[in-house]
Amino acid sequence: MKPAGIVLLAACVTSFGVGSAGVPQQPVFKTSVDLVQIDALVTLNGRPVTGLGPLDFEVTDNGVLQPLQAALPSGRLNVILALDVSGSVKGERLNALVQAVQALLGDLRDQEQVALVTFNDDIAVRSPLTPDVASVRRSLENIQPGGNTSMNDAVFAALSLGTRDARRLLVLFSDGTDNSSWLSGSRVIEAARRTDVVVCPVAVGLPARSTSRSARFLEALADRTGGRLFHAESIGMLRASMLEVLTEFRSRYVIAYTPTGVLRDDGWHHVEVRLKGRRAEIKAKDQYLAR
């Protein structure tokens, strides 16, 4: 990793506050001492279920049923893009990637913000979080792919971007396996589950049932953050996959409650979200850190 990448990664480690065990110390999807917010995707037969409210959900915190304050449809977003620009992303692949990201940017709404991180041997924050979509579009035009893939380090850096005044979605694109990071995949996954960021990786050419190291990492990263791994069967399908990420994310619910009948400073809490009286699949984080 070149000096710029080292400086950025060190800054991110500092911003997370690494503890004595080398694990970033950051709470999970909590916005205050008293309020827990769960970002949940509800689907039936693979399609989002809409029109739900607090009376439709049931949430337990360490086994104790909680009174819900809200179950609202998706609100304003901060979208963080982390893009693999290693040597394999050239020519047609780069063109398809840029077009896919441009389409996603075109779907952002007023006052929503976006950040752009690219990675190969180095990690570059090409645009910090901004509502200026035009500036991010210009940054895309200057990408020159090459080198290896520092995916773990890039995810760790991207997790520190954004603010808690809006929901944070990290869209991670890669077409290969990490071969250049300082950080291990397990450490990055541990960092991710301590944040309120939902990670949705988009992989090209990765079989849906793959057991490769890259597939295991991406699946675990999505699962621990309440996100989902999206598969683009070919580079030509990348645009559709990117747009699907944003469309699906907007169908999610933010479920909020003040913990009742449980301690509020005793470490990790297990959370379970269910629907009352109907079948559906729910994807959400199942833990938060009470301090």
C-alpha atoms as a PDB file:
ATOM      1  CA  MET A   1       0.000   0.000   0.000  1.00  0.00           C
ATOM      2  CA  LYS A   2       1.353   3.416  -0.913  1.00  0.00           C
ATOM      3  CA  PRO A   3       1.691   6.215   1.694  1.00  0.00           C
ATOM      4  CA  ALA A   4      -1.690   7.820   0.822  1.00  0.00           C
ATOM      5  CA  GLY A   5      -3.453   4.554   1.539  1.00  0.00           C
ATOM      6  CA  ILE A   6      -1.587   4.128   4.812  1.00  0.00           C
ATOM      7  CA  VAL A   7      -2.544   7.622   5.980  1.00  0.00           C
ATOM      8  CA  LEU A   8      -6.210   7.103   5.115  1.00  0.00           C
ATOM      9  CA  LEU A   9      -6.419   3.705   6.794  1.00  0.00           C
ATOM     10  CA  ALA A  10      -4.681   5.038   9.917  1.00  0.00           C
ATOM     11  CA  ALA A  11      -7.151   7.905  10.064  1.00  0.00           C
ATOM     12  CA  CYS A  12     -10.046   5.472   9.829  1.00  0.00           C
ATOM     13  CA  VAL A  13      -8.620   3.295  12.595  1.00  0.00           C
ATOM     14  CA  THR A  14      -8.346   6.407  14.774  1.00  0.00           C
ATOM     15  CA  SER A  15     -11.892   7.521  13.958  1.00  0.00           C
ATOM     16  CA  PHE A  16     -13.270   4.113  14.966  1.00  0.00           C
ATOM     17  CA  GLY A  17     -11.331   4.138  18.234  1.00  0.00           C
ATOM     18  CA  VAL A  18      -9.486   0.823  18.264  1.00  0.00           C
ATOM     19  CA  GLY A  19      -9.507  -0.889  21.625  1.00  0.00           C
ATOM     20  CA  SER A  20      -6.819  -3.003  23.246  1.00  0.00           C
ATOM     21  CA  ALA A  21      -7.990  -6.093  21.371  1.00  0.00           C
ATOM     22  CA  GLY A  22      -7.594  -4.321  18.047  1.00  0.00           C
ATOM     23  CA  VAL A  23     -11.327  -4.147  17.380  1.00  0.00           C
ATOM     24  CA  PRO A  24     -12.972  -0.796  16.545  1.00  0.00           C
ATOM     25  CA  GLN A  25     -15.144   0.356  19.427  1.00  0.00           C
ATOM     26  CA  GLN A  26     -18.370   1.686  17.892  1.00  0.00           C
ATOM     27  CA  PRO A  27     -21.995   1.033  18.836  1.00  0.00           C
ATOM     28  CA  VAL A  28     -24.389  -0.854  16.605  1.00  0.00           C
ATOM     29  CA  PHE A  29     -27.377   0.886  14.941  1.00  0.00           C
ATOM     30  CA  LYS A  30     -28.067   2.977  18.061  1.00  0.00           C
ATOM     31  CA  THR A  31     -28.740   6.701  17.738  1.00  0.00           C
ATOM     32  CA  SER A  32     -28.837   7.531  21.443  1.00  0.00           C
ATOM     33  CA  VAL A  33     -28.477   5.944  24.851  1.00  0.00           C
ATOM     34  CA  ASP A  34     -32.201   5.204  25.013  1.00  0.00           C
ATOM     35  CA  LEU A  35     -33.237   4.479  21.445  1.00  0.00           C
ATOM     36  CA  VAL A  36     -32.518   1.395  19.380  1.00  0.00           C
ATOM     37  CA  GLN A  37     -33.199   1.511  15.645  1.00  0.00           C
ATOM     38  CA  ILE A  38     -33.368  -1.615  13.501  1.00  0.00           C
ATOM     39  CA  ASP A  39     -33.125  -1.356   9.726  1.00  0.00           C
ATOM     40  CA  ALA A  40     -35.192  -4.264   8.393  1.00  0.00           C
ATOM     41  CA  LEU A  41     -36.022  -5.676   4.964  1.00  0.00           C
ATOM     42  CA  VAL A  42     -39.327  -7.602   4.777  1.00  0.00           C
ATOM     43  CA  THR A  43     -39.900  -9.809   1.733  1.00  0.00           C
ATOM     44  CA  LEU A  44     -42.354 -12.469   0.594  1.00  0.00           C
ATOM     45  CA  ASN A  45     -41.338 -14.740  -2.279  1.00  0.00           C
ATOM     46  CA  GLY A  46     -38.383 -12.459  -2.920  1.00  0.00           C
ATOM     47  CA  ARG A  47     -40.438  -9.259  -3.208  1.00  0.00           C
ATOM     48  CA  PRO A  48     -40.509  -6.422  -0.643  1.00  0.00           C
ATOM     49  CA  VAL A  49     -43.597  -6.185   1.550  1.00  0.00           C
ATOM     50  CA  THR A  50     -44.828  -2.601   1.864  1.00  0.00           C
ATOM     51  CA  GLY A  51     -47.510  -0.798   3.863  1.00  0.00           C
ATOM     52  CA  LEU A  52     -46.539  -2.165   7.295  1.00  0.00           C
ATOM     53  CA  GLY A  53     -46.593  -0.261  10.597  1.00  0.00           C
ATOM     54  CA  PRO A  54     -45.634  -0.762  14.277  1.00  0.00           C
ATOM     55  CA  LEU A  55     -48.641  -2.978  14.961  1.00  0.00           C
ATOM     56  CA  ASP A  56     -47.438  -5.458  12.336  1.00  0.00           C
ATOM     57  CA  PHE A  57     -44.077  -6.114  14.019  1.00  0.00           C
ATOM     58  CA  GLU A  58     -42.952  -7.873  17.163  1.00  0.00           C
ATOM     59  CA  VAL A  59     -39.444  -7.301  18.546  1.00  0.00           C
ATOM     60  CA  THR A  60     -37.680  -9.030  21.417  1.00  0.00           C
ATOM     61  CA  ASP A  61     -34.517  -7.701  23.068  1.00  0.00           C
ATOM     62  CA  ASN A  62     -32.601 -10.453  24.891  1.00  0.00           C
ATOM     63  CA  GLY A  63     -35.862 -12.392  24.857  1.00  0.00           C
ATOM     64  CA  VAL A  64     -37.987  -9.566  26.307  1.00  0.00           C
ATOM     65  CA  LEU A  65     -40.865  -8.267  24.159  1.00  0.00           C
ATOM     66  CA  GLN A  66     -40.471  -4.536  23.448  1.00  0.00           C
ATOM     67  CA  PRO A  67     -43.091  -1.788  22.950  1.00  0.00           C
ATOM     68  CA  LEU A  68     -42.373  -0.258  19.537  1.00  0.00           C
ATOM     69  CA  GLN A  69     -42.334   3.485  18.981  1.00  0.00           C
ATOM     70  CA  ALA A  70     -42.164   3.419  15.194  1.00  0.00           C
ATOM     71  CA  ALA A  71     -41.870   1.219  12.126  1.00  0.00           C
ATOM     72  CA  LEU A  72     -41.398   3.686   9.317  1.00  0.00           C
ATOM     73  CA  PRO A  73     -40.639   3.226   5.627  1.00  0.00           C
ATOM     74  CA  SER A  74     -37.139   4.055   4.449  1.00  0.00           C
ATOM     75  CA  GLY A  75     -36.075   7.645   5.086  1.00  0.00           C
ATOM     76  CA  ARG A  76     -33.327   9.861   3.687  1.00  0.00           C
ATOM     77  CA  LEU A  77     -30.124   8.058   2.727  1.00  0.00           C
ATOM     78  CA  ASN A  78     -26.392   8.555   2.808  1.00  0.00           C
ATOM     79  CA  VAL A  79     -24.998   6.275   0.102  1.00  0.00           C
ATOM     80  CA  ILE A  80     -21.333   5.287   0.274  1.00  0.00           C
ATOM     81  CA  LEU A  81     -19.906   3.739  -2.889  1.00  0.00           C
ATOM     82  CA  ALA A  82     -16.789   1.551  -2.578  1.00  0.00           C
ATOM     83  CA  LEU A  83     -15.595   0.480  -6.023  1.00  0.00           C
ATOM     84  CA  ASP A  84     -12.954  -2.032  -7.040  1.00  0.00           C
ATOM     85  CA  VAL A  85     -10.700  -0.394  -9.662  1.00  0.00           C
ATOM     86  CA  SER A  86      -7.961  -3.027  -9.695  1.00  0.00           C
ATOM     87  CA  GLY A  87      -6.291  -4.281 -12.858  1.00  0.00           C
ATOM     88  CA  SER A  88      -9.182  -6.588 -13.759  1.00  0.00           C
ATOM     89  CA  VAL A  89     -11.554  -3.628 -14.130  1.00  0.00           C
ATOM     90  CA  LYS A  90     -10.509  -2.319 -17.519  1.00  0.00           C
ATOM     91  CA  GLY A  91     -12.090  -1.525 -20.858  1.00  0.00           C
ATOM     92  CA  GLU A  92     -15.621  -2.889 -21.081  1.00  0.00           C
ATOM     93  CA  ARG A  93     -15.764  -3.623 -17.357  1.00  0.00           C
ATOM     94  CA  LEU A  94     -14.804  -0.073 -16.407  1.00  0.00           C
ATOM     95  CA  ASN A  95     -17.327   1.384 -18.846  1.00  0.00           C
ATOM     96  CA  ALA A  96     -20.077  -0.834 -17.453  1.00  0.00           C
ATOM     97  CA  LEU A  97     -19.128   0.068 -13.871  1.00  0.00           C
ATOM     98  CA  VAL A  98     -19.169   3.800 -14.553  1.00  0.00           C
ATOM     99  CA  GLN A  99     -22.517   3.563 -16.361  1.00  0.00           C
ATOM    100  CA  ALA A 100     -23.998   1.509 -13.500  1.00  0.00           C
ATOM    101  CA  VAL A 101     -22.867   4.015 -10.876  1.00  0.00           C
ATOM    102  CA  GLN A 102     -24.088   6.923 -12.994  1.00  0.00           C
ATOM    103  CA  ALA A 103     -27.522   5.278 -13.115  1.00  0.00           C
ATOM    104  CA  LEU A 104     -27.547   4.842  -9.331  1.00  0.00           C
ATOM    105  CA  LEU A 105     -26.570   8.492  -8.859  1.00  0.00           C
ATOM    106  CA  GLY A 106     -29.446   9.479 -11.112  1.00  0.00           C
ATOM    107  CA  ASP A 107     -31.864   7.709  -8.739  1.00  0.00           C
ATOM    108  CA  LEU A 108     -30.813   9.682  -5.663  1.00  0.00           C
ATOM    109  CA  ARG A 109     -33.358  12.098  -4.253  1.00  0.00           C
ATOM    110  CA  ASP A 110     -33.089  15.721  -3.158  1.00  0.00           C
ATOM    111  CA  GLN A 111     -30.965  16.189  -0.006  1.00  0.00           C
ATOM    112  CA  GLU A 112     -29.589  12.665  -0.162  1.00  0.00           C
ATOM    113  CA  GLN A 113     -25.816  12.482  -0.061  1.00  0.00           C
ATOM    114  CA  VAL A 114     -23.204  10.226  -1.623  1.00  0.00           C
ATOM    115  CA  ALA A 115     -19.529   9.448  -1.046  1.00  0.00           C
ATOM    116  CA  LEU A 116     -17.131   7.720  -3.444  1.00  0.00           C
ATOM    117  CA  VAL A 117     -14.238   5.454  -2.432  1.00  0.00           C
ATOM    118  CA  THR A 118     -12.138   3.494  -4.927  1.00  0.00           C
ATOM    119  CA  PHE A 119      -9.607   0.814  -4.172  1.00  0.00           C
ATOM    120  CA  ASN A 120      -6.793  -1.185  -5.759  1.00  0.00           C
ATOM    121  CA  ASP A 121      -3.397  -1.224  -4.047  1.00  0.00           C
ATOM    122  CA  ASP A 122      -4.421   2.153  -2.621  1.00  0.00           C
ATOM    123  CA  ILE A 123      -7.630   3.454  -1.077  1.00  0.00           C
ATOM    124  CA  ALA A 124      -8.829   6.813  -2.370  1.00  0.00           C
ATOM    125  CA  VAL A 125     -11.713   8.899  -1.078  1.00  0.00           C
ATOM    126  CA  ARG A 126     -12.508  10.577  -4.386  1.00  0.00           C
ATOM    127  CA  SER A 127     -15.476  12.385  -2.904  1.00  0.00           C
ATOM    128  CA  PRO A 128     -16.445  12.750   0.759  1.00  0.00           C
ATOM    129  CA  LEU A 129     -20.112  12.661   1.636  1.00  0.00           C
ATOM    130  CA  THR A 130     -21.827  15.372  -0.408  1.00  0.00           C
ATOM    131  CA  PRO A 131     -25.195  16.308  -1.917  1.00  0.00           C
ATOM    132  CA  ASP A 132     -23.283  17.489  -5.011  1.00  0.00           C
ATOM    133  CA  VAL A 133     -23.931  14.514  -7.285  1.00  0.00           C
ATOM    134  CA  ALA A 134     -22.356  16.330 -10.253  1.00  0.00           C
ATOM    135  CA  SER A 135     -18.976  16.411  -8.497  1.00  0.00           C
ATOM    136  CA  VAL A 136     -19.165  12.649  -7.889  1.00  0.00           C
ATOM    137  CA  ARG A 137     -19.984  12.109 -11.557  1.00  0.00           C
ATOM    138  CA  ARG A 138     -16.852  14.056 -12.498  1.00  0.00           C
ATOM    139  CA  SER A 139     -14.760  11.944 -10.112  1.00  0.00           C
ATOM    140  CA  LEU A 140     -15.889   8.810 -11.936  1.00  0.00           C
ATOM    141  CA  GLU A 141     -14.424  10.139 -15.178  1.00  0.00           C
ATOM    142  CA  ASN A 142     -10.901  10.181 -13.718  1.00  0.00           C
ATOM    143  CA  ILE A 143     -10.661   6.535 -12.687  1.00  0.00           C
ATOM    144  CA  GLN A 144      -7.603   4.701 -14.032  1.00  0.00           C
ATOM    145  CA  PRO A 145      -7.779   1.012 -13.072  1.00  0.00           C
ATOM    146  CA  GLY A 146      -4.712  -1.047 -12.218  1.00  0.00           C
ATOM    147  CA  GLY A 147      -2.953  -2.958  -9.446  1.00  0.00           C
ATOM    148  CA  ASN A 148      -4.216  -5.384  -6.816  1.00  0.00           C
ATOM    149  CA  THR A 149      -7.370  -5.495  -4.664  1.00  0.00           C
ATOM    150  CA  SER A 150      -7.414  -4.032  -1.126  1.00  0.00           C
ATOM    151  CA  MET A 151     -11.096  -4.723  -0.499  1.00  0.00           C
ATOM    152  CA  ASN A 152     -10.916  -5.324   3.259  1.00  0.00           C
ATOM    153  CA  ASP A 153      -9.071  -2.066   3.894  1.00  0.00           C
ATOM    154  CA  ALA A 154     -11.466  -0.145   1.640  1.00  0.00           C
ATOM    155  CA  VAL A 155     -14.544  -1.442   3.459  1.00  0.00           C
ATOM    156  CA  PHE A 156     -13.014  -0.494   6.798  1.00  0.00           C
ATOM    157  CA  ALA A 157     -12.325   3.019   5.512  1.00  0.00           C
ATOM    158  CA  ALA A 158     -15.780   3.398   3.974  1.00  0.00           C
ATOM    159  CA  LEU A 159     -17.492   2.426   7.236  1.00  0.00           C
ATOM    160  CA  SER A 160     -16.220   5.642   8.823  1.00  0.00           C
ATOM    161  CA  LEU A 161     -17.885   7.892   6.235  1.00  0.00           C
ATOM    162  CA  GLY A 162     -21.311   9.447   6.603  1.00  0.00           C
ATOM    163  CA  THR A 163     -23.241  10.876   9.509  1.00  0.00           C
ATOM    164  CA  ARG A 164     -26.021   9.563  11.701  1.00  0.00           C
ATOM    165  CA  ASP A 165     -28.575  12.138  10.617  1.00  0.00           C
ATOM    166  CA  ALA A 166     -29.543   9.746   7.819  1.00  0.00           C
ATOM    167  CA  ARG A 167     -29.504   6.019   7.168  1.00  0.00           C
ATOM    168  CA  ARG A 168     -26.224   4.750   5.719  1.00  0.00           C
ATOM    169  CA  LEU A 169     -25.983   2.299   2.840  1.00  0.00           C
ATOM    170  CA  LEU A 170     -22.589   1.013   1.697  1.00  0.00           C
ATOM    171  CA  VAL A 171     -22.675  -0.322  -1.870  1.00  0.00           C
ATOM    172  CA  LEU A 172     -19.539  -2.399  -2.405  1.00  0.00           C
ATOM    173  CA  PHE A 173     -18.548  -3.488  -5.919  1.00  0.00           C
ATOM    174  CA  SER A 174     -15.816  -6.039  -6.608  1.00  0.00           C
ATOM    175  CA  ASP A 175     -15.070  -8.566  -9.319  1.00  0.00           C
ATOM    176  CA  GLY A 176     -12.356 -10.450  -7.455  1.00  0.00           C
ATOM    177  CA  THR A 177     -10.772 -11.608  -4.214  1.00  0.00           C
ATOM    178  CA  ASP A 178      -8.810  -9.425  -1.809  1.00  0.00           C
ATOM    179  CA  ASN A 179      -5.074  -9.884  -2.343  1.00  0.00           C
ATOM    180  CA  SER A 180      -3.553  -6.686  -0.964  1.00  0.00           C
ATOM    181  CA  SER A 181      -5.178  -5.627   2.337  1.00  0.00           C
ATOM    182  CA  TRP A 182      -3.507  -5.108   5.668  1.00  0.00           C
ATOM    183  CA  LEU A 183      -6.677  -6.015   7.560  1.00  0.00           C
ATOM    184  CA  SER A 184      -8.204  -9.474   7.772  1.00  0.00           C
ATOM    185  CA  GLY A 185     -11.742 -10.123   6.609  1.00  0.00           C
ATOM    186  CA  SER A 186     -12.811 -11.170  10.112  1.00  0.00           C
ATOM    187  CA  ARG A 187     -11.651  -7.904  11.617  1.00  0.00           C
ATOM    188  CA  VAL A 188     -13.505  -5.874   8.995  1.00  0.00           C
ATOM    189  CA  ILE A 189     -16.700  -7.867   9.598  1.00  0.00           C
ATOM    190  CA  GLU A 190     -16.351  -7.252  13.339  1.00  0.00           C
ATOM    191  CA  ALA A 191     -15.945  -3.521  12.663  1.00  0.00           C
ATOM    192  CA  ALA A 192     -18.982  -3.507  10.387  1.00  0.00           C
ATOM    193  CA  ARG A 193     -21.324  -5.089  12.904  1.00  0.00           C
ATOM    194  CA  ARG A 194     -20.448  -2.328  15.385  1.00  0.00           C
ATOM    195  CA  THR A 195     -21.798   0.361  13.053  1.00  0.00           C
ATOM    196  CA  ASP A 196     -25.223   1.369  11.797  1.00  0.00           C
ATOM    197  CA  VAL A 197     -24.131   0.919   8.170  1.00  0.00           C
ATOM    198  CA  VAL A 198     -26.021  -1.600   6.018  1.00  0.00           C
ATOM    199  CA  VAL A 199     -23.610  -3.194   3.519  1.00  0.00           C
ATOM    200  CA  CYS A 200     -24.900  -4.472   0.174  1.00  0.00           C
ATOM    201  CA  PRO A 201     -22.071  -5.955  -1.917  1.00  0.00           C
ATOM    202  CA  VAL A 202     -22.516  -6.329  -5.680  1.00  0.00           C
ATOM    203  CA  ALA A 203     -20.392  -9.120  -7.158  1.00  0.00           C
ATOM    204  CA  VAL A 204     -19.913  -9.823 -10.874  1.00  0.00           C
ATOM    205  CA  GLY A 205     -19.596 -13.403 -12.084  1.00  0.00           C
ATOM    206  CA  LEU A 206     -19.756 -14.890  -8.587  1.00  0.00           C
ATOM    207  CA  PRO A 207     -22.027 -17.965  -8.559  1.00  0.00           C
ATOM    208  CA  ALA A 208     -24.951 -17.596  -6.154  1.00  0.00           C
ATOM    209  CA  ARG A 209     -23.906 -20.726  -4.232  1.00  0.00           C
ATOM    210  CA  SER A 210     -20.176 -20.133  -4.362  1.00  0.00           C
ATOM    211  CA  THR A 211     -18.113 -21.151  -1.318  1.00  0.00           C
ATOM    212  CA  SER A 212     -14.996 -19.226  -2.347  1.00  0.00           C
ATOM    213  CA  ARG A 213     -13.172 -17.031   0.185  1.00  0.00           C
ATOM    214  CA  SER A 214     -14.489 -13.897  -1.493  1.00  0.00           C
ATOM    215  CA  ALA A 215     -18.078 -15.193  -1.459  1.00  0.00           C
ATOM    216  CA  ARG A 216     -17.856 -16.135   2.224  1.00  0.00           C
ATOM    217  CA  PHE A 217     -16.524 -12.686   3.119  1.00  0.00           C
ATOM    218  CA  LEU A 218     -19.170 -10.805   1.144  1.00  0.00           C
ATOM    219  CA  GLU A 219     -21.995 -12.976   2.479  1.00  0.00           C
ATOM    220  CA  ALA A 220     -20.833 -12.532   6.076  1.00  0.00           C
ATOM    221  CA  LEU A 221     -20.378  -8.778   5.631  1.00  0.00           C
ATOM    222  CA  ALA A 222     -23.921  -8.412   4.300  1.00  0.00           C
ATOM    223  CA  ASP A 223     -25.418 -10.747   6.889  1.00  0.00           C
ATOM    224  CA  ARG A 224     -23.780  -9.085   9.905  1.00  0.00           C
ATOM    225  CA  THR A 225     -25.007  -5.645   8.814  1.00  0.00           C
ATOM    226  CA  GLY A 226     -28.526  -6.647   7.773  1.00  0.00           C
ATOM    227  CA  GLY A 227     -27.776  -6.213   4.074  1.00  0.00           C
ATOM    228  CA  ARG A 228     -27.845  -8.586   1.118  1.00  0.00           C
ATOM    229  CA  LEU A 229     -25.303  -9.797  -1.427  1.00  0.00           C
ATOM    230  CA  PHE A 230     -26.398  -8.991  -4.980  1.00  0.00           C
ATOM    231  CA  HIS A 231     -25.169 -11.119  -7.883  1.00  0.00           C
ATOM    232  CA  ALA A 232     -24.660  -9.642 -11.346  1.00  0.00           C
ATOM    233  CA  GLU A 233     -24.365 -12.643 -13.633  1.00  0.00           C
ATOM    234  CA  SER A 234     -22.323 -10.641 -16.122  1.00  0.00           C
ATOM    235  CA  ILE A 235     -20.827  -7.181 -16.398  1.00  0.00           C
ATOM    236  CA  GLY A 236     -23.767  -6.261 -18.625  1.00  0.00           C
ATOM    237  CA  MET A 237     -26.122  -6.889 -15.690  1.00  0.00           C
ATOM    238  CA  LEU A 238     -24.239  -4.571 -13.335  1.00  0.00           C
ATOM    239  CA  ARG A 239     -26.440  -1.534 -14.000  1.00  0.00           C
ATOM    240  CA  ALA A 240     -29.608  -3.463 -13.174  1.00  0.00           C
ATOM    241  CA  SER A 241     -28.035  -4.835  -9.980  1.00  0.00           C
ATOM    242  CA  MET A 242     -26.919  -1.390  -8.789  1.00  0.00           C
ATOM    243  CA  LEU A 243     -30.403   0.029  -9.315  1.00  0.00           C
ATOM    244  CA  GLU A 244     -31.941  -2.980  -7.572  1.00  0.00           C
ATOM    245  CA  VAL A 245     -29.825  -2.298  -4.490  1.00  0.00           C
ATOM    246  CA  LEU A 246     -31.194   1.228  -4.159  1.00  0.00           C
ATOM    247  CA  THR A 247     -34.789   0.283  -4.988  1.00  0.00           C
ATOM    248  CA  GLU A 248     -34.822  -2.550  -2.475  1.00  0.00           C
ATOM    249  CA  PHE A 249     -33.185  -0.439   0.210  1.00  0.00           C
ATOM    250  CA  ARG A 250     -35.916   2.177  -0.108  1.00  0.00           C
ATOM    251  CA  SER A 251     -38.494  -0.516   0.722  1.00  0.00           C
ATOM    252  CA  ARG A 252     -36.931  -1.262   4.116  1.00  0.00           C
ATOM    253  CA  TYR A 253     -38.356  -0.256   7.505  1.00  0.00           C
ATOM    254  CA  VAL A 254     -36.763   1.574  10.411  1.00  0.00           C
ATOM    255  CA  ILE A 255     -38.112  -0.005  13.603  1.00  0.00           C
ATOM    256  CA  ALA A 256     -37.474   1.963  16.793  1.00  0.00           C
ATOM    257  CA  TYR A 257     -37.919   1.215  20.474  1.00  0.00           C
ATOM    258  CA  THR A 258     -36.609   2.223  23.891  1.00  0.00           C
ATOM    259  CA  PRO A 259     -35.237  -0.900  25.622  1.00  0.00           C
ATOM    260  CA  THR A 260     -37.631  -1.981  28.385  1.00  0.00           C
ATOM    261  CA  GLY A 261     -37.037  -4.718  30.929  1.00  0.00           C
ATOM    262  CA  VAL A 262     -33.377  -5.191  29.932  1.00  0.00           C
ATOM    263  CA  LEU A 263     -30.100  -3.645  31.040  1.00  0.00           C
ATOM    264  CA  ARG A 264     -28.745  -0.847  28.863  1.00  0.00           C
ATOM    265  CA  ASP A 265     -25.009  -1.140  29.515  1.00  0.00           C
ATOM    266  CA  ASP A 266     -24.277  -4.855  29.601  1.00  0.00           C
ATOM    267  CA  GLY A 267     -22.708  -5.552  26.199  1.00  0.00           C
ATOM    268  CA  TRP A 268     -24.197  -7.319  23.217  1.00  0.00           C
ATOM    269  CA  HIS A 269     -27.975  -7.723  23.035  1.00  0.00           C
ATOM    270  CA  HIS A 270     -29.711 -10.232  20.806  1.00  0.00           C
ATOM    271  CA  VAL A 271     -32.641  -8.794  18.850  1.00  0.00           C
ATOM    272  CA  GLU A 272     -35.297 -10.735  16.969  1.00  0.00           C
ATOM    273  CA  VAL A 273     -37.815  -9.132  14.608  1.00  0.00           C
ATOM    274  CA  ARG A 274     -40.995 -10.991  13.609  1.00  0.00           C
ATOM    275  CA  LEU A 275     -44.240 -10.218  11.818  1.00  0.00           C
ATOM    276  CA  LYS A 276     -47.524 -10.832  13.591  1.00  0.00           C
ATOM    277  CA  GLY A 277     -49.921 -13.268  11.972  1.00  0.00           C
ATOM    278  CA  ARG A 278     -48.331 -13.458   8.521  1.00  0.00           C
ATOM    279  CA  ARG A 279     -45.506 -15.154   6.688  1.00  0.00           C
ATOM    280  CA  ALA A 280     -42.514 -13.205   5.448  1.00  0.00           C
ATOM    281  CA  GLU A 281     -38.741 -13.192   5.488  1.00  0.00           C
ATOM    282  CA  ILE A 282     -37.059 -10.487   7.547  1.00  0.00           C
ATOM    283  CA  LYS A 283     -33.435  -9.471   7.109  1.00  0.00           C
ATOM    284  CA  ALA A 284     -31.999  -7.221   9.811  1.00  0.00           C
ATOM    285  CA  LYS A 285     -29.145  -7.018  12.256  1.00  0.00           C
ATOM    286  CA  ASP A 286     -29.721  -9.330  15.164  1.00  0.00           C
ATOM    287  CA  GLN A 287     -27.433  -7.639  17.711  1.00  0.00           C
ATOM    288  CA  TYR A 288     -26.549  -4.253  19.141  1.00  0.00           C
ATOM    289  CA  LEU A 289     -23.957  -3.170  21.672  1.00  0.00           C
ATOM    290  CA  ALA A 290     -25.393  -1.640  24.856  1.00  0.00           C
ATOM    291  CA  ARG A 291     -22.938   0.608  26.679  1.00  0.00           C
END
